[in-house]
């Protein structure tokens, strides 16, 4: 699989993810966010100006997100987790997000209400992909099996430090 294939799973198969930033008190803050679009340069989501989440994204410029496919008891689960830089790209891609995610028009039926929304791009990220539909892994075989399955995915690093980080976390 190519890196963009993992992004496709994250956006199209998982879609609703749990993301984390750091709150004013220095502790993690997690919330559910829909991942709306993807391409070879990143993943795109949106939030409204004025929210704590918006302020944290603008201030920190970094995010972690995780999600999993399949329901309880499903043998077809896939899990994706990413960590990467995030930047505000304004209303760029807003029309594409509404076209790709028609339910957004139900949440924001009036175009003038969409003025509060801004799109963010996750880029220069690393992540993990685990296909849980395969046979279970014993504890002793975990690392070798993860390496064999290539569970660490370098999504779109722009520098060697990101690659070193990803490799160190697989070892």
N, C-alpha and C. Protein backbone atom coordinates (compact mmCIF):
# COMPACT_ATOMS: atom_id res chain seq x y z
N UNK A 1 0.83 -1.19 0.00
CA UNK A 1 0.00 0.00 0.00
C UNK A 1 0.87 1.25 0.00
N UNK A 2 0.39 2.27 -0.64
CA UNK A 2 1.07 3.56 -0.68
C UNK A 2 0.55 4.42 0.48
N UNK A 3 1.33 5.42 0.91
CA UNK A 3 0.86 6.29 2.01
C UNK A 3 -0.54 6.86 1.79
N UNK A 4 -0.87 7.24 0.58
CA UNK A 4 -2.18 7.82 0.31
C UNK A 4 -3.29 6.80 0.55
N UNK A 5 -2.99 5.50 0.44
CA UNK A 5 -3.99 4.46 0.71
C UNK A 5 -4.37 4.44 2.19
N UNK A 6 -3.40 4.69 3.07
CA UNK A 6 -3.69 4.75 4.51
C UNK A 6 -4.54 5.99 4.83
N UNK A 7 -4.26 7.08 4.13
CA UNK A 7 -5.04 8.29 4.33
C UNK A 7 -6.48 8.06 3.87
N UNK A 8 -6.64 7.33 2.78
CA UNK A 8 -7.98 7.01 2.30
C UNK A 8 -8.75 6.22 3.35
N UNK A 9 -8.12 5.22 3.96
CA UNK A 9 -8.77 4.44 5.03
C UNK A 9 -9.17 5.38 6.17
N UNK A 10 -8.25 6.28 6.54
CA UNK A 10 -8.50 7.19 7.66
C UNK A 10 -9.70 8.10 7.38
N UNK A 11 -9.79 8.62 6.17
CA UNK A 11 -10.85 9.58 5.84
C UNK A 11 -12.15 8.88 5.42
N UNK A 12 -12.06 7.88 4.58
CA UNK A 12 -13.27 7.29 4.02
C UNK A 12 -13.83 6.13 4.84
N UNK A 13 -12.98 5.28 5.39
CA UNK A 13 -13.46 4.12 6.14
C UNK A 13 -13.69 4.45 7.61
N UNK A 14 -12.78 5.21 8.20
CA UNK A 14 -12.90 5.56 9.62
C UNK A 14 -13.72 6.85 9.76
N UNK A 15 -13.30 7.90 9.13
CA UNK A 15 -13.95 9.21 9.05
C UNK A 15 -14.05 9.94 10.39
N UNK A 16 -14.78 9.39 11.35
CA UNK A 16 -14.89 10.03 12.67
C UNK A 16 -13.74 9.55 13.54
N UNK A 17 -12.90 10.48 13.95
CA UNK A 17 -11.67 10.14 14.68
C UNK A 17 -11.65 10.85 16.03
N UNK A 18 -10.73 10.43 16.85
CA UNK A 18 -10.47 11.12 18.11
C UNK A 18 -9.15 11.86 17.94
N UNK A 19 -9.19 13.17 18.16
CA UNK A 19 -7.99 13.98 18.03
C UNK A 19 -7.61 14.57 19.38
N UNK A 20 -6.33 14.84 19.54
CA UNK A 20 -5.85 15.39 20.79
C UNK A 20 -4.96 16.60 20.55
N UNK A 21 -5.16 17.59 21.39
CA UNK A 21 -4.30 18.77 21.47
C UNK A 21 -3.98 18.94 22.96
N UNK A 22 -3.32 20.03 23.29
CA UNK A 22 -3.00 20.32 24.68
C UNK A 22 -3.83 21.52 25.13
N UNK A 23 -4.52 21.37 26.27
CA UNK A 23 -5.35 22.44 26.81
C UNK A 23 -4.53 23.50 27.51
N UNK A 24 -5.19 24.59 27.90
CA UNK A 24 -4.52 25.69 28.60
C UNK A 24 -3.84 25.24 29.88
N UNK A 25 -4.37 24.17 30.50
CA UNK A 25 -3.80 23.68 31.75
C UNK A 25 -2.60 22.75 31.52
N UNK A 26 -2.21 22.53 30.25
CA UNK A 26 -1.07 21.68 29.94
C UNK A 26 -1.40 20.21 29.82
N UNK A 27 -2.67 19.86 29.94
CA UNK A 27 -3.09 18.47 29.85
C UNK A 27 -3.72 18.20 28.49
N UNK A 28 -3.69 16.92 28.06
CA UNK A 28 -4.30 16.58 26.77
C UNK A 28 -5.80 16.84 26.77
N UNK A 29 -6.30 17.24 25.62
CA UNK A 29 -7.73 17.43 25.39
C UNK A 29 -8.08 16.61 24.15
N UNK A 30 -9.03 15.70 24.29
CA UNK A 30 -9.44 14.86 23.17
C UNK A 30 -10.87 15.18 22.77
N UNK A 31 -11.15 15.04 21.49
CA UNK A 31 -12.49 15.29 20.98
C UNK A 31 -12.67 14.51 19.68
N UNK A 32 -13.91 14.29 19.30
CA UNK A 32 -14.22 13.60 18.05
C UNK A 32 -14.30 14.63 16.92
N UNK A 33 -13.62 14.32 15.83
CA UNK A 33 -13.59 15.21 14.66
C UNK A 33 -13.68 14.33 13.41
N UNK A 34 -14.47 14.76 12.44
CA UNK A 34 -14.53 14.06 11.17
C UNK A 34 -13.40 14.52 10.27
N UNK A 35 -12.70 13.55 9.70
CA UNK A 35 -11.67 13.83 8.71
C UNK A 35 -12.37 13.86 7.35
N UNK A 36 -12.26 14.99 6.66
CA UNK A 36 -13.13 15.26 5.52
C UNK A 36 -12.57 14.93 4.14
N UNK A 37 -11.30 15.22 3.94
CA UNK A 37 -10.65 15.02 2.64
C UNK A 37 -9.22 14.56 2.86
N UNK A 38 -8.62 14.03 1.80
CA UNK A 38 -7.21 13.68 1.85
C UNK A 38 -6.63 13.82 0.45
N UNK A 39 -5.34 13.99 0.37
CA UNK A 39 -4.59 13.91 -0.88
C UNK A 39 -3.16 13.57 -0.51
N UNK A 40 -2.26 13.59 -1.46
CA UNK A 40 -0.87 13.22 -1.18
C UNK A 40 -0.16 14.22 -0.28
N UNK A 41 -0.76 15.36 -0.04
CA UNK A 41 -0.13 16.38 0.80
C UNK A 41 -0.70 16.45 2.20
N UNK A 42 -1.77 15.69 2.48
CA UNK A 42 -2.29 15.73 3.84
C UNK A 42 -3.73 15.31 3.96
N UNK A 43 -4.22 15.53 5.17
CA UNK A 43 -5.61 15.24 5.54
C UNK A 43 -6.25 16.57 5.93
N UNK A 44 -7.54 16.73 5.60
CA UNK A 44 -8.22 18.00 5.84
C UNK A 44 -9.46 17.80 6.70
N UNK A 45 -9.64 18.72 7.64
CA UNK A 45 -10.82 18.74 8.50
C UNK A 45 -11.15 20.20 8.77
N UNK A 46 -12.26 20.45 9.42
CA UNK A 46 -12.61 21.83 9.70
C UNK A 46 -13.12 21.99 11.12
N UNK A 47 -13.09 23.22 11.57
CA UNK A 47 -13.69 23.59 12.85
C UNK A 47 -14.06 25.06 12.77
N UNK A 48 -14.81 25.50 13.73
CA UNK A 48 -15.29 26.89 13.73
C UNK A 48 -14.36 27.79 14.53
N UNK A 49 -14.20 29.00 14.01
CA UNK A 49 -13.45 30.03 14.74
C UNK A 49 -14.15 30.26 16.08
N UNK A 50 -13.37 30.56 17.09
CA UNK A 50 -13.95 30.86 18.39
C UNK A 50 -13.98 29.66 19.33
N UNK A 51 -13.82 28.46 18.83
CA UNK A 51 -13.80 27.28 19.70
C UNK A 51 -12.42 27.14 20.34
N UNK A 52 -12.37 26.50 21.51
CA UNK A 52 -11.09 26.20 22.15
C UNK A 52 -10.21 25.37 21.22
N UNK A 53 -10.81 24.42 20.53
CA UNK A 53 -10.07 23.57 19.60
C UNK A 53 -9.37 24.41 18.53
N UNK A 54 -10.09 25.37 17.98
CA UNK A 54 -9.53 26.27 16.97
C UNK A 54 -8.30 26.99 17.53
N UNK A 55 -8.44 27.56 18.72
CA UNK A 55 -7.34 28.31 19.35
C UNK A 55 -6.14 27.39 19.60
N UNK A 56 -6.40 26.16 20.04
CA UNK A 56 -5.30 25.22 20.30
C UNK A 56 -4.57 24.86 19.00
N UNK A 57 -5.31 24.65 17.94
CA UNK A 57 -4.69 24.34 16.65
C UNK A 57 -3.83 25.50 16.17
N UNK A 58 -4.35 26.71 16.29
CA UNK A 58 -3.62 27.89 15.84
C UNK A 58 -2.35 28.10 16.67
N UNK A 59 -2.44 27.87 17.96
CA UNK A 59 -1.31 28.10 18.85
C UNK A 59 -0.26 27.00 18.75
N UNK A 60 -0.70 25.74 18.73
CA UNK A 60 0.22 24.62 18.83
C UNK A 60 0.75 24.12 17.50
N UNK A 61 -0.08 24.16 16.48
CA UNK A 61 0.37 23.72 15.16
C UNK A 61 0.71 22.23 15.09
N UNK A 62 0.15 21.43 15.99
CA UNK A 62 0.44 20.00 16.03
C UNK A 62 -0.79 19.27 16.53
N UNK A 63 -0.99 18.05 16.05
CA UNK A 63 -2.18 17.28 16.43
C UNK A 63 -1.87 15.78 16.38
N UNK A 64 -2.60 15.03 17.16
CA UNK A 64 -2.58 13.57 17.10
C UNK A 64 -4.01 13.12 16.88
N UNK A 65 -4.19 12.07 16.07
CA UNK A 65 -5.53 11.57 15.77
C UNK A 65 -5.50 10.06 15.61
N UNK A 66 -6.57 9.41 16.04
CA UNK A 66 -6.69 7.95 15.94
C UNK A 66 -8.12 7.57 15.60
N UNK A 67 -8.24 6.43 14.94
CA UNK A 67 -9.56 5.89 14.65
C UNK A 67 -9.48 4.44 14.27
N UNK A 68 -10.64 3.78 14.29
CA UNK A 68 -10.70 2.35 13.98
C UNK A 68 -11.98 2.04 13.22
N UNK A 69 -11.88 1.14 12.25
CA UNK A 69 -13.05 0.67 11.52
C UNK A 69 -13.67 -0.50 12.25
N UNK A 70 -14.86 -0.88 11.84
CA UNK A 70 -15.50 -2.09 12.36
C UNK A 70 -16.17 -1.87 13.69
N UNK A 71 -17.24 -2.57 13.90
CA UNK A 71 -17.97 -2.47 15.17
C UNK A 71 -17.54 -3.55 16.14
N UNK A 72 -18.23 -3.59 17.26
CA UNK A 72 -17.94 -4.58 18.29
C UNK A 72 -18.05 -5.99 17.71
N UNK A 73 -17.06 -6.79 17.97
CA UNK A 73 -17.06 -8.17 17.50
C UNK A 73 -16.66 -8.32 16.04
N UNK A 74 -16.42 -7.22 15.35
CA UNK A 74 -16.04 -7.29 13.95
C UNK A 74 -14.64 -7.88 13.81
N UNK A 75 -14.46 -8.72 12.84
CA UNK A 75 -13.14 -9.29 12.56
C UNK A 75 -12.44 -8.52 11.44
N UNK A 76 -13.00 -7.40 11.05
CA UNK A 76 -12.46 -6.62 9.94
C UNK A 76 -11.91 -5.28 10.39
N UNK A 77 -11.39 -5.20 11.59
CA UNK A 77 -10.94 -3.91 12.13
C UNK A 77 -9.60 -3.50 11.57
N UNK A 78 -9.50 -2.21 11.31
CA UNK A 78 -8.24 -1.58 10.93
C UNK A 78 -8.12 -0.33 11.78
N UNK A 79 -6.93 -0.08 12.27
CA UNK A 79 -6.70 1.09 13.12
C UNK A 79 -5.63 1.96 12.49
N UNK A 80 -5.86 3.27 12.52
CA UNK A 80 -4.89 4.24 12.02
C UNK A 80 -4.70 5.31 13.09
N UNK A 81 -3.46 5.64 13.36
CA UNK A 81 -3.12 6.74 14.26
C UNK A 81 -2.08 7.60 13.57
N UNK A 82 -2.22 8.91 13.69
CA UNK A 82 -1.24 9.81 13.09
C UNK A 82 -0.88 10.92 14.07
N UNK A 83 0.30 11.48 13.87
CA UNK A 83 0.77 12.67 14.58
C UNK A 83 1.44 13.55 13.55
N UNK A 84 1.09 14.82 13.56
CA UNK A 84 1.71 15.67 12.57
C UNK A 84 1.43 17.14 12.79
N UNK A 85 2.08 17.91 11.95
CA UNK A 85 1.87 19.35 11.96
C UNK A 85 0.50 19.64 11.38
N UNK A 86 -0.08 20.75 11.83
CA UNK A 86 -1.38 21.16 11.32
C UNK A 86 -1.34 22.66 11.04
N UNK A 87 -1.98 23.05 9.93
CA UNK A 87 -2.03 24.48 9.61
C UNK A 87 -3.41 24.84 9.09
N UNK A 88 -3.77 26.08 9.36
CA UNK A 88 -5.03 26.65 8.91
C UNK A 88 -4.87 27.05 7.45
N UNK A 89 -5.77 26.55 6.60
CA UNK A 89 -5.72 26.95 5.19
C UNK A 89 -6.97 27.76 4.82
N UNK A 90 -7.60 28.36 5.85
CA UNK A 90 -8.75 29.25 5.63
C UNK A 90 -9.95 28.51 5.08
N UNK A 91 -10.60 29.10 4.08
CA UNK A 91 -11.77 28.45 3.50
C UNK A 91 -11.41 27.65 2.25
N UNK A 92 -10.10 27.55 1.98
CA UNK A 92 -9.65 26.71 0.88
C UNK A 92 -10.14 25.29 1.12
N UNK A 93 -10.71 24.69 0.13
CA UNK A 93 -11.25 23.32 0.18
C UNK A 93 -12.59 23.21 0.89
N UNK A 94 -13.15 24.31 1.36
CA UNK A 94 -14.44 24.25 2.05
C UNK A 94 -15.53 23.72 1.11
N UNK A 95 -15.56 24.21 -0.12
CA UNK A 95 -16.56 23.73 -1.08
C UNK A 95 -16.39 22.24 -1.35
N UNK A 96 -15.15 21.80 -1.49
CA UNK A 96 -14.87 20.38 -1.73
C UNK A 96 -15.30 19.53 -0.54
N UNK A 97 -15.11 20.05 0.66
CA UNK A 97 -15.53 19.32 1.87
C UNK A 97 -17.05 19.16 1.88
N UNK A 98 -17.78 20.22 1.56
CA UNK A 98 -19.24 20.13 1.57
C UNK A 98 -19.74 19.22 0.45
N UNK A 99 -19.04 19.20 -0.66
CA UNK A 99 -19.44 18.33 -1.77
C UNK A 99 -19.18 16.87 -1.41
N UNK A 100 -18.05 16.57 -0.81
CA UNK A 100 -17.68 15.20 -0.45
C UNK A 100 -18.45 14.69 0.77
N UNK A 101 -18.89 15.59 1.63
CA UNK A 101 -19.57 15.24 2.88
C UNK A 101 -20.92 15.94 2.94
N UNK A 102 -21.93 15.44 2.21
CA UNK A 102 -23.21 16.13 2.09
C UNK A 102 -23.91 16.40 3.42
N UNK A 103 -23.64 15.61 4.45
CA UNK A 103 -24.27 15.84 5.74
C UNK A 103 -23.89 17.19 6.33
N UNK A 104 -22.79 17.76 5.89
CA UNK A 104 -22.37 19.08 6.39
C UNK A 104 -23.39 20.16 6.02
N UNK A 105 -24.06 20.00 4.88
CA UNK A 105 -25.08 20.97 4.47
C UNK A 105 -26.29 20.93 5.40
N UNK A 106 -26.51 19.80 6.07
CA UNK A 106 -27.60 19.72 7.05
C UNK A 106 -27.21 20.44 8.34
N UNK A 107 -25.93 20.38 8.68
CA UNK A 107 -25.45 21.05 9.88
C UNK A 107 -25.35 22.56 9.65
N UNK A 108 -24.90 22.94 8.47
CA UNK A 108 -24.75 24.35 8.09
C UNK A 108 -25.54 24.59 6.81
N UNK A 109 -26.89 24.66 6.91
CA UNK A 109 -27.71 24.77 5.69
C UNK A 109 -27.57 26.12 4.98
N UNK A 110 -27.29 27.16 5.72
CA UNK A 110 -27.18 28.49 5.12
C UNK A 110 -25.71 28.80 4.82
N UNK A 111 -25.39 29.12 3.58
CA UNK A 111 -23.99 29.41 3.23
C UNK A 111 -23.34 30.49 4.11
N UNK A 112 -24.13 31.47 4.55
CA UNK A 112 -23.54 32.53 5.39
C UNK A 112 -23.09 31.99 6.75
N UNK A 113 -23.67 30.88 7.21
CA UNK A 113 -23.25 30.28 8.48
C UNK A 113 -21.89 29.58 8.35
N UNK A 114 -21.49 29.31 7.15
CA UNK A 114 -20.22 28.63 6.90
C UNK A 114 -19.03 29.56 7.04
N UNK A 115 -19.29 30.86 7.16
CA UNK A 115 -18.20 31.84 7.28
C UNK A 115 -17.37 31.61 8.55
N UNK A 116 -17.95 30.97 9.55
CA UNK A 116 -17.23 30.72 10.80
C UNK A 116 -16.29 29.52 10.68
N UNK A 117 -16.42 28.75 9.61
CA UNK A 117 -15.62 27.53 9.46
C UNK A 117 -14.30 27.81 8.77
N UNK A 118 -13.27 27.12 9.25
CA UNK A 118 -11.97 27.17 8.57
C UNK A 118 -11.42 25.76 8.46
N UNK A 119 -10.71 25.53 7.38
CA UNK A 119 -10.16 24.21 7.08
C UNK A 119 -8.73 24.14 7.59
N UNK A 120 -8.40 22.99 8.17
CA UNK A 120 -7.05 22.72 8.63
C UNK A 120 -6.49 21.53 7.87
N UNK A 121 -5.19 21.57 7.64
CA UNK A 121 -4.49 20.49 6.94
C UNK A 121 -3.49 19.86 7.90
N UNK A 122 -3.52 18.54 8.02
CA UNK A 122 -2.48 17.80 8.74
C UNK A 122 -1.43 17.43 7.70
N UNK A 123 -0.18 17.77 7.98
CA UNK A 123 0.91 17.52 7.04
C UNK A 123 2.17 17.14 7.82
N UNK A 124 3.19 16.72 7.10
CA UNK A 124 4.43 16.26 7.73
C UNK A 124 4.12 15.37 8.92
N UNK A 125 3.40 14.30 8.65
CA UNK A 125 2.92 13.41 9.71
C UNK A 125 3.53 12.02 9.59
N UNK A 126 3.57 11.36 10.71
CA UNK A 126 3.90 9.94 10.75
C UNK A 126 2.72 9.23 11.39
N UNK A 127 2.66 7.93 11.20
CA UNK A 127 1.53 7.23 11.78
C UNK A 127 1.70 5.73 11.83
N UNK A 128 0.72 5.11 12.41
CA UNK A 128 0.66 3.65 12.51
C UNK A 128 -0.58 3.15 11.82
N UNK A 129 -0.45 2.00 11.17
CA UNK A 129 -1.59 1.30 10.60
C UNK A 129 -1.51 -0.14 11.08
N UNK A 130 -2.60 -0.62 11.63
CA UNK A 130 -2.63 -2.01 12.06
C UNK A 130 -3.90 -2.64 11.52
N UNK A 131 -3.72 -3.74 10.82
CA UNK A 131 -4.85 -4.50 10.30
C UNK A 131 -5.14 -5.61 11.31
N UNK A 132 -6.19 -5.45 12.09
CA UNK A 132 -6.53 -6.40 13.14
C UNK A 132 -7.32 -7.59 12.63
N UNK A 133 -7.60 -7.63 11.33
CA UNK A 133 -8.33 -8.76 10.78
C UNK A 133 -7.43 -9.97 10.57
N UNK A 134 -6.11 -9.78 10.69
CA UNK A 134 -5.16 -10.88 10.57
C UNK A 134 -5.16 -11.70 11.86
N UNK A 135 -4.41 -12.79 11.84
CA UNK A 135 -4.35 -13.64 13.04
C UNK A 135 -3.77 -12.85 14.21
N UNK A 136 -4.19 -13.18 15.44
CA UNK A 136 -3.67 -12.48 16.61
C UNK A 136 -2.15 -12.64 16.74
N UNK A 137 -1.55 -11.67 17.38
CA UNK A 137 -0.09 -11.66 17.56
C UNK A 137 0.20 -11.95 19.02
N UNK A 138 1.10 -12.90 19.26
CA UNK A 138 1.51 -13.16 20.64
C UNK A 138 2.41 -12.03 21.09
N UNK A 139 2.47 -11.81 22.38
CA UNK A 139 3.25 -10.70 22.92
C UNK A 139 4.71 -10.76 22.50
N UNK A 140 5.30 -11.93 22.51
CA UNK A 140 6.71 -12.07 22.16
C UNK A 140 6.99 -11.79 20.69
N UNK A 141 5.99 -11.99 19.84
CA UNK A 141 6.19 -11.80 18.41
C UNK A 141 5.74 -10.42 17.93
N UNK A 142 5.28 -9.57 18.85
CA UNK A 142 4.66 -8.31 18.46
C UNK A 142 5.56 -7.45 17.58
N UNK A 143 6.79 -7.18 18.02
CA UNK A 143 7.66 -6.28 17.26
C UNK A 143 7.98 -6.84 15.89
N UNK A 144 8.39 -8.10 15.83
CA UNK A 144 8.74 -8.67 14.53
C UNK A 144 7.52 -8.72 13.61
N UNK A 145 6.35 -8.98 14.18
CA UNK A 145 5.13 -9.02 13.37
C UNK A 145 4.77 -7.62 12.87
N UNK A 146 4.92 -6.61 13.72
CA UNK A 146 4.62 -5.24 13.29
C UNK A 146 5.58 -4.81 12.18
N UNK A 147 6.83 -5.19 12.30
CA UNK A 147 7.79 -4.87 11.24
C UNK A 147 7.42 -5.60 9.95
N UNK A 148 7.03 -6.88 10.07
CA UNK A 148 6.65 -7.66 8.89
C UNK A 148 5.41 -7.05 8.23
N UNK A 149 4.47 -6.61 9.04
CA UNK A 149 3.24 -6.02 8.50
C UNK A 149 3.44 -4.57 8.08
N UNK A 150 4.62 -4.03 8.36
CA UNK A 150 4.91 -2.63 8.02
C UNK A 150 3.86 -1.71 8.64
N UNK A 151 3.65 -1.88 9.92
CA UNK A 151 2.59 -1.11 10.57
C UNK A 151 2.95 0.36 10.73
N UNK A 152 4.23 0.69 10.74
CA UNK A 152 4.60 2.10 10.83
C UNK A 152 4.59 2.67 9.43
N UNK A 153 3.86 3.70 9.25
CA UNK A 153 3.73 4.34 7.96
C UNK A 153 4.29 5.74 8.06
N UNK A 154 5.18 6.07 7.17
CA UNK A 154 5.66 7.45 7.11
C UNK A 154 4.80 8.12 6.05
N UNK A 155 3.86 8.94 6.50
CA UNK A 155 2.85 9.45 5.60
C UNK A 155 3.37 10.52 4.65
N UNK A 156 3.87 11.59 5.16
CA UNK A 156 4.37 12.66 4.31
C UNK A 156 5.39 13.49 5.06
N UNK A 157 6.55 12.90 5.42
CA UNK A 157 7.56 13.68 6.13
C UNK A 157 8.27 14.62 5.18
N UNK A 158 8.63 15.77 5.67
CA UNK A 158 9.39 16.73 4.88
C UNK A 158 10.85 16.80 5.33
N UNK A 159 11.19 16.06 6.40
CA UNK A 159 12.56 16.14 6.86
C UNK A 159 13.02 14.82 7.45
N UNK A 160 14.30 14.68 7.57
CA UNK A 160 14.89 13.44 8.07
C UNK A 160 14.53 13.19 9.53
N UNK A 161 14.29 14.23 10.31
CA UNK A 161 13.95 14.05 11.72
C UNK A 161 12.65 13.25 11.85
N UNK A 162 11.69 13.51 10.99
CA UNK A 162 10.43 12.76 11.04
C UNK A 162 10.66 11.30 10.70
N UNK A 163 11.54 11.03 9.75
CA UNK A 163 11.85 9.65 9.38
C UNK A 163 12.55 8.96 10.54
N UNK A 164 13.53 9.63 11.16
CA UNK A 164 14.23 9.05 12.31
C UNK A 164 13.25 8.76 13.43
N UNK A 165 12.34 9.67 13.69
CA UNK A 165 11.34 9.48 14.75
C UNK A 165 10.50 8.24 14.46
N UNK A 166 10.05 8.10 13.24
CA UNK A 166 9.21 6.97 12.87
C UNK A 166 9.97 5.66 13.03
N UNK A 167 11.20 5.62 12.58
CA UNK A 167 12.00 4.39 12.68
C UNK A 167 12.26 4.04 14.13
N UNK A 168 12.59 5.02 14.96
CA UNK A 168 12.85 4.76 16.38
C UNK A 168 11.61 4.22 17.07
N UNK A 169 10.45 4.66 16.68
CA UNK A 169 9.23 4.20 17.34
C UNK A 169 8.80 2.82 16.88
N UNK A 170 9.31 2.34 15.76
CA UNK A 170 9.02 0.98 15.34
C UNK A 170 9.95 0.00 16.05
N UNK A 171 11.19 0.43 16.30
CA UNK A 171 12.17 -0.47 16.93
C UNK A 171 11.75 -0.82 18.27
